[in-house]
Amino acid sequence: MYVAFYGFDDHPFLMTPDARLFYASSVHSRAQAHLIYGLEQREGFVIITGEVGAGKTTLIERLCAQLDPTSFAVARIMTTQVSGDDLLRLVADGFGVPSDGNKAQLLRGITDMLRGGEQVGRRHVLIVDEAQALPMPALEELRMLSNITEGGRALLQVVLLGQPQLRRTMASPDLDQLRQRVLASFHLGGLSREETHAYVEHRLRAVGWTGNPAWHADALDIVHRFSGGIPRRINRLCSRVLLGAALEQSREITAEMVETTARELEGDLSGGLAPGTVQGAGGTLGGVDHALMTGRVNGASAVETQRMAELANRIEALEQMSARRERVFNRLMDLFAGGGRLP
């Protein structure tokens, strides 16, 4: 909806990774440098970790797009809790090797494939996503695959992508031999406040944005505060902000609009409860004792008075949020009744 209203060529904040919209932040540039350095060594492991949505997959897709397919054979596998033998079958499938038969046959097929690539000057790179889910036996199988050599040269390089738990797994004493084969390791953190500003504007310009809608600087500060600089969280929040702004036919994005939308998202993801709200047998609402709402005003202490004021502000904010949602809902109903196009 907002794409047509603001005249964009495409969606700027899709949740799925899109290498076309890659933003070379300082952290992503350093991560890419680690990947390139690791590949240049032609052996061992490269490890990239980061929170969910930090941009690991986008980073890898960009790297793969830059590799010459005549010089590199790349297999990408997504793992969950798989056994060592199942992992070998996934590796075989990824490189186009028959995955039936017993373990010895699997290893023979993979080895022949790797040596065949070496003979024609084609290197093999295995990328394992969600590697934090791999059990120890599966990681050990990867280490054994990295032992396959020809003429003193390793025939397989492995890139492990995972959430922060992968770093804790790698610290296990049982994986000492694998750690010795790690050539480069990098953790993707969130974007800084300044880079969050630049990231949002970069994504918008990539789809034809020329200033409509205008984003206030403090609105982008709020985007950073609520997203922690994690790209997927930024995308989710900005997409919802643009949708709400388009439905209200606004040509500006203000800090108030972003904060309201961010709190709506938090409420949606927490099952409808506002952040910090607890409802239970004690009758607590938003962390304020229910008794303060039911008449203990005369003679209230300064602390109680302050808490009542905070509660009143919170109720007012909820009422404003509810009114905004009602306006958006009514606008959606009008839109659908009118054929589904924004003016």
Protein backbone atom coordinates (compact mmCIF):
# COMPACT_ATOMS: atom_id res chain seq x y z
CA MET A 1 0.00 0.00 0.00
CA TYR A 2 2.57 2.59 1.07
CA VAL A 3 4.77 1.75 -1.94
CA ALA A 4 2.23 3.23 -4.35
CA PHE A 5 1.27 6.10 -2.04
CA TYR A 6 4.86 7.35 -1.73
CA GLY A 7 5.86 6.48 -5.29
CA PHE A 8 8.49 3.88 -4.44
CA ASP A 9 9.70 1.39 -7.04
CA ASP A 10 9.60 -1.50 -4.56
CA HIS A 11 9.35 -2.32 -0.86
CA PRO A 12 12.36 -0.83 0.97
CA PHE A 13 11.98 -2.82 4.18
CA LEU A 14 11.18 -6.41 3.30
CA MET A 15 11.91 -8.90 6.07
CA THR A 16 13.59 -11.39 3.75
CA PRO A 17 17.31 -10.84 3.02
CA ASP A 18 17.94 -8.91 -0.20
CA ALA A 19 21.54 -8.49 -1.36
CA ARG A 20 20.43 -5.68 -3.71
CA LEU A 21 19.69 -3.48 -0.70
CA PHE A 22 22.88 -4.36 1.17
CA TYR A 23 24.21 -1.50 3.28
CA ALA A 24 27.94 -1.63 3.93
CA SER A 25 27.96 -0.55 7.56
CA SER A 26 31.21 -0.56 9.51
CA VAL A 27 30.35 -3.88 11.20
CA HIS A 28 29.21 -5.54 7.97
CA SER A 29 32.27 -4.29 6.10
CA ARG A 30 34.54 -5.76 8.76
CA ALA A 31 32.63 -9.04 8.68
CA GLN A 32 32.98 -9.18 4.90
CA ALA A 33 36.72 -8.49 5.24
CA HIS A 34 37.01 -11.48 7.58
CA LEU A 35 35.16 -13.66 5.08
CA ILE A 36 37.37 -12.59 2.19
CA TYR A 37 40.53 -13.05 4.26
CA GLY A 38 39.42 -16.54 5.23
CA LEU A 39 38.70 -17.53 1.62
CA GLU A 40 42.07 -16.23 0.52
CA GLN A 41 43.74 -18.66 2.93
CA ARG A 42 42.15 -21.55 1.01
CA GLU A 43 41.67 -23.70 4.11
CA GLY A 44 40.08 -23.93 7.54
CA PHE A 45 36.98 -22.37 9.07
CA VAL A 46 35.49 -18.88 9.10
CA ILE A 47 32.90 -18.13 11.78
CA ILE A 48 30.37 -15.28 11.65
CA THR A 49 27.96 -14.87 14.55
CA GLY A 50 25.25 -12.33 15.31
CA GLU A 51 21.80 -11.86 16.76
CA VAL A 52 18.75 -12.97 14.80
CA GLY A 53 18.24 -10.39 12.05
CA ALA A 54 21.75 -8.90 12.29
CA GLY A 55 22.38 -9.46 8.57
CA LYS A 56 24.40 -12.68 8.43
CA THR A 57 22.42 -14.18 5.55
CA THR A 58 22.46 -10.95 3.53
CA LEU A 59 26.21 -10.77 4.03
CA ILE A 60 26.67 -14.31 2.72
CA GLU A 61 24.36 -13.75 -0.25
CA ARG A 62 26.42 -10.72 -1.22
CA LEU A 63 29.62 -12.75 -0.92
CA CYS A 64 28.22 -15.59 -3.05
CA ALA A 65 27.11 -13.12 -5.71
CA GLN A 66 30.72 -11.92 -5.96
CA LEU A 67 32.28 -15.38 -6.32
CA ASP A 68 33.02 -16.59 -9.83
CA PRO A 69 30.94 -19.78 -10.29
CA THR A 70 33.59 -21.20 -12.61
CA SER A 71 36.17 -20.94 -9.81
CA PHE A 72 34.02 -21.70 -6.77
CA ALA A 73 31.48 -24.41 -6.03
CA VAL A 74 29.39 -23.25 -3.07
CA ALA A 75 27.01 -25.40 -1.06
CA ARG A 76 24.71 -23.77 1.50
CA ILE A 77 22.91 -25.83 4.07
CA MET A 78 20.54 -24.89 6.88
CA THR A 79 20.89 -27.05 9.96
CA THR A 80 18.82 -27.95 12.95
CA GLN A 81 19.62 -30.78 15.34
CA VAL A 82 21.12 -33.28 12.89
CA SER A 83 23.40 -36.23 13.52
CA GLY A 84 26.88 -36.44 12.06
CA ASP A 85 25.75 -38.86 9.35
CA ASP A 86 22.76 -36.69 8.43
CA LEU A 87 25.04 -33.69 8.13
CA LEU A 88 27.24 -35.61 5.69
CA ARG A 89 24.14 -36.34 3.60
CA LEU A 90 23.25 -32.64 3.60
CA VAL A 91 26.78 -31.79 2.47
CA ALA A 92 26.61 -34.39 -0.30
CA ASP A 93 23.25 -33.06 -1.47
CA GLY A 94 24.54 -29.51 -1.39
CA PHE A 95 27.40 -30.35 -3.74
CA GLY A 96 25.32 -32.62 -5.98
CA VAL A 97 26.83 -35.87 -4.75
CA PRO A 98 24.59 -38.96 -4.29
CA SER A 99 23.56 -39.03 -0.64
CA ASP A 100 22.37 -42.63 -0.38
CA GLY A 101 24.50 -45.48 0.93
CA ASN A 102 26.43 -45.88 4.15
CA LYS A 103 28.85 -43.42 5.73
CA ALA A 104 31.89 -44.85 3.94
CA GLN A 105 30.17 -44.40 0.57
CA LEU A 106 29.18 -40.84 1.47
CA LEU A 107 32.73 -39.92 2.41
CA ARG A 108 34.11 -41.54 -0.74
CA GLY A 109 31.69 -39.60 -2.92
CA ILE A 110 32.46 -36.29 -1.21
CA THR A 111 36.21 -36.91 -1.39
CA ASP A 112 36.09 -37.78 -5.09
CA MET A 113 34.06 -34.65 -5.77
CA LEU A 114 36.54 -32.43 -3.90
CA ARG A 115 39.55 -33.94 -5.66
CA GLY A 116 37.84 -33.62 -9.00
CA GLY A 117 37.33 -29.92 -8.36
CA GLU A 118 40.97 -29.46 -7.44
CA GLN A 119 42.04 -31.01 -10.75
CA VAL A 120 40.12 -28.40 -12.74
CA GLY A 121 40.99 -25.49 -10.45
CA ARG A 122 37.57 -25.23 -8.80
CA ARG A 123 37.47 -24.60 -5.06
CA HIS A 124 34.70 -25.87 -2.79
CA VAL A 125 33.15 -23.75 -0.04
CA LEU A 126 30.57 -25.10 2.40
CA ILE A 127 28.34 -22.53 4.17
CA VAL A 128 26.47 -23.84 7.21
CA ASP A 129 23.69 -21.58 8.50
CA GLU A 130 22.17 -21.84 11.99
CA ALA A 131 25.35 -23.66 13.03
CA GLN A 132 24.63 -23.04 16.71
CA ALA A 133 22.19 -25.97 16.49
CA LEU A 134 24.86 -28.47 15.44
CA PRO A 135 25.69 -31.12 18.06
CA MET A 136 29.29 -31.98 18.82
CA PRO A 137 29.38 -35.10 16.58
CA ALA A 138 28.24 -33.06 13.58
CA LEU A 139 30.88 -30.39 14.20
CA GLU A 140 33.47 -33.14 14.44
CA GLU A 141 32.37 -34.46 11.03
CA LEU A 142 32.96 -30.99 9.58
CA ARG A 143 36.44 -30.96 11.07
CA MET A 144 37.17 -34.33 9.51
CA LEU A 145 35.99 -33.07 6.12
CA SER A 146 38.42 -30.17 6.44
CA ASN A 147 41.21 -32.77 6.74
CA ILE A 148 40.71 -33.91 3.13
CA THR A 149 43.76 -32.72 1.20
CA GLU A 150 45.44 -33.11 -2.16
CA GLY A 151 49.11 -32.29 -2.65
CA GLY A 152 49.28 -30.74 0.81
CA ARG A 153 46.34 -28.39 0.09
CA ALA A 154 42.96 -28.49 1.87
CA LEU A 155 40.12 -29.15 -0.56
CA LEU A 156 37.22 -27.73 1.47
CA GLN A 157 36.65 -24.50 3.32
CA VAL A 158 33.79 -24.12 5.79
CA VAL A 159 31.91 -20.97 6.79
CA LEU A 160 29.81 -21.30 9.96
CA LEU A 161 27.00 -18.80 10.51
CA GLY A 162 25.18 -18.78 13.81
CA GLN A 163 23.63 -16.98 16.71
CA PRO A 164 25.78 -15.99 19.72
CA GLN A 165 25.34 -19.46 21.24
CA LEU A 166 27.75 -20.75 18.57
CA ARG A 167 30.60 -18.86 20.24
CA ARG A 168 29.86 -20.58 23.53
CA THR A 169 29.73 -23.95 21.78
CA MET A 170 33.08 -23.32 20.13
CA ALA A 171 34.61 -22.58 23.54
CA SER A 172 34.03 -26.19 24.63
CA PRO A 173 37.21 -28.13 25.48
CA ASP A 174 35.90 -30.94 23.25
CA LEU A 175 36.31 -28.68 20.19
CA ASP A 176 39.92 -27.68 20.72
CA GLN A 177 41.05 -29.28 17.44
CA LEU A 178 38.31 -27.48 15.53
CA ARG A 179 39.17 -24.10 17.13
CA GLN A 180 42.75 -24.52 15.93
CA ARG A 181 41.43 -24.55 12.36
CA VAL A 182 39.47 -21.28 12.69
CA LEU A 183 41.19 -18.68 10.52
CA ALA A 184 38.81 -15.79 11.13
CA SER A 185 35.91 -15.09 13.46
CA PHE A 186 33.66 -12.06 13.72
CA HIS A 187 30.54 -11.09 15.68
CA LEU A 188 27.98 -8.86 13.96
CA GLY A 189 26.69 -6.27 16.40
CA GLY A 190 23.95 -3.70 15.88
CA LEU A 191 24.34 -0.51 13.88
CA SER A 192 25.22 2.71 15.65
CA ARG A 193 22.69 5.55 15.84
CA GLU A 194 24.35 7.34 12.92
CA GLU A 195 24.49 4.16 10.85
CA THR A 196 20.84 3.42 11.60
CA HIS A 197 20.00 6.82 10.07
CA ALA A 198 22.15 6.02 7.04
CA TYR A 199 20.74 2.48 6.73
CA VAL A 200 17.12 3.68 6.61
CA GLU A 201 17.92 6.38 4.06
CA HIS A 202 19.99 3.94 1.97
CA ARG A 203 17.11 1.44 1.78
CA LEU A 204 14.68 4.21 0.88
CA ARG A 205 16.87 5.70 -1.84
CA ALA A 206 17.39 2.24 -3.33
CA VAL A 207 13.66 2.11 -4.17
CA GLY A 208 13.32 5.64 -5.52
CA TRP A 209 12.74 7.74 -2.39
CA THR A 210 13.38 11.45 -3.01
CA GLY A 211 12.29 12.85 0.35
CA ASN A 212 8.63 11.85 0.43
CA PRO A 213 7.88 11.14 3.20
CA ALA A 214 10.31 13.34 5.11
CA TRP A 215 11.82 11.58 8.12
CA HIS A 216 12.57 13.77 11.11
CA ALA A 217 16.02 13.16 12.59
CA ASP A 218 14.58 12.41 16.03
CA ALA A 219 12.23 9.88 14.41
CA LEU A 220 15.27 7.95 13.18
CA ASP A 221 16.76 8.22 16.68
CA ILE A 222 13.64 6.45 17.97
CA VAL A 223 14.05 3.76 15.29
CA HIS A 224 17.54 3.07 16.61
CA ARG A 225 16.41 3.07 20.24
CA PHE A 226 13.69 0.50 19.70
CA SER A 227 15.57 -1.69 17.20
CA GLY A 228 18.99 -1.72 18.86
CA GLY A 229 20.43 -1.20 15.38
CA ILE A 230 19.53 -4.75 14.30
CA PRO A 231 18.61 -4.54 10.57
CA ARG A 232 15.63 -6.91 10.63
CA ARG A 233 14.12 -5.07 13.58
CA ILE A 234 14.69 -1.78 11.76
CA ASN A 235 12.94 -3.18 8.69
CA ARG A 236 9.96 -4.42 10.68
CA LEU A 237 9.50 -1.13 12.50
CA CYS A 238 10.02 1.14 9.47
CA SER A 239 7.64 -0.90 7.33
CA ARG A 240 4.89 -0.54 9.94
CA VAL A 241 5.62 3.18 10.35
CA LEU A 242 5.29 3.76 6.60
CA LEU A 243 2.07 1.77 6.43
CA GLY A 244 0.50 3.78 9.24
CA ALA A 245 1.74 7.07 7.80
CA ALA A 246 0.35 6.23 4.34
CA LEU A 247 -3.02 5.27 5.78
CA GLU A 248 -3.12 8.63 7.56
CA GLN A 249 -1.88 10.30 4.33
CA SER A 250 1.04 11.87 6.14
CA ARG A 251 4.00 13.29 4.24
CA GLU A 252 6.20 13.42 7.33
CA ILE A 253 7.48 10.79 9.76
CA THR A 254 7.75 12.18 13.26
CA ALA A 255 9.30 10.79 16.44
CA GLU A 256 5.85 10.45 17.98
CA MET A 257 4.64 8.33 15.04
CA VAL A 258 7.66 6.02 15.31
CA GLU A 259 7.41 5.61 19.07
CA THR A 260 3.68 4.93 18.92
CA THR A 261 4.19 2.30 16.22
CA ALA A 262 7.11 0.74 18.10
CA ARG A 263 5.01 0.38 21.24
CA GLU A 264 2.17 -1.09 19.19
CA LEU A 265 4.58 -3.68 17.81
CA GLU A 266 5.83 -4.48 21.29
CA GLY A 267 2.25 -4.89 22.44
CA ASP A 268 1.43 -7.15 19.48
CA LEU A 269 4.48 -9.34 20.09
CA SER A 270 3.79 -9.58 23.83
CA GLY A 271 0.23 -10.79 23.32
CA GLY A 272 -1.42 -7.43 23.79
CA LEU A 273 0.21 -6.47 27.09
CA ALA A 274 2.16 -3.25 27.15
CA PRO A 275 5.85 -3.67 28.03
CA GLY A 276 6.29 -4.03 31.77
CA THR A 277 2.61 -4.72 32.37
CA VAL A 278 1.75 -7.55 34.74
CA GLN A 279 -1.74 -8.78 35.42
CA GLY A 280 -2.26 -11.33 38.15
CA ALA A 281 -4.05 -12.24 41.34
CA GLY A 282 -2.73 -9.18 43.12
CA GLY A 283 -4.57 -6.87 40.73
CA THR A 284 -1.50 -5.11 39.39
CA LEU A 285 -1.80 -3.03 36.24
CA GLY A 286 1.30 -1.65 34.55
CA GLY A 287 3.36 -2.16 37.69
CA VAL A 288 1.07 0.16 39.76
CA ASP A 289 -0.91 -1.21 42.69
CA HIS A 290 -4.60 -1.36 41.87
CA ALA A 291 -5.46 0.25 45.19
CA LEU A 292 -4.11 3.55 43.90
CA MET A 293 -6.83 3.49 41.25
CA THR A 294 -9.63 2.81 43.66
CA GLY A 295 -9.65 5.77 46.02
CA ARG A 296 -6.48 6.06 48.10
CA VAL A 297 -5.99 9.65 47.02
CA ASN A 298 -6.57 11.68 50.16
CA GLY A 299 -3.51 11.49 52.35
CA ALA A 300 -1.48 9.70 49.65
CA SER A 301 2.27 9.92 50.00
CA ALA A 302 4.43 11.76 47.48
CA VAL A 303 5.56 8.43 46.05
CA GLU A 304 1.97 7.24 45.66
CA THR A 305 0.96 10.53 44.05
CA GLN A 306 3.81 10.20 41.56
CA ARG A 307 2.80 6.63 40.77
CA MET A 308 -0.79 7.72 40.20
CA ALA A 309 0.43 10.44 37.85
CA GLU A 310 2.52 7.91 35.97
CA LEU A 311 -0.50 5.63 35.71
CA ALA A 312 -2.63 8.47 34.40
CA ASN A 313 0.00 9.24 31.75
CA ARG A 314 0.15 5.59 30.78
CA ILE A 315 -3.63 5.36 30.44
CA GLU A 316 -3.63 8.52 28.32
CA ALA A 317 -0.94 7.02 26.06
CA LEU A 318 -2.96 3.82 25.70
CA GLU A 319 -6.06 5.83 24.82
CA GLN A 320 -4.11 7.73 22.17
CA MET A 321 -2.75 4.47 20.78
CA SER A 322 -6.24 2.99 20.70
CA ALA A 323 -7.59 6.06 18.90
CA ARG A 324 -4.80 5.88 16.34
CA ARG A 325 -5.46 2.20 15.72
CA GLU A 326 -9.15 2.97 15.24
CA ARG A 327 -8.31 5.68 12.69
CA VAL A 328 -6.01 3.32 10.82
CA PHE A 329 -8.62 0.55 10.90
CA ASN A 330 -11.31 2.89 9.56
CA ARG A 331 -8.95 4.10 6.84
CA LEU A 332 -8.26 0.49 5.85
CA MET A 333 -11.97 -0.26 5.66
CA ASP A 334 -12.53 2.81 3.48
CA LEU A 335 -9.60 1.78 1.30
CA PHE A 336 -10.89 -1.74 0.75
CA ALA A 337 -14.40 -0.49 0.09
CA GLY A 338 -13.01 1.90 -2.50
CA GLY A 339 -11.16 -0.72 -4.52
CA GLY A 340 -7.91 -1.06 -2.58
CA ARG A 341 -5.87 1.91 -3.81
CA LEU A 342 -4.52 4.81 -1.85
CA PRO A 343 -5.14 8.22 -3.43
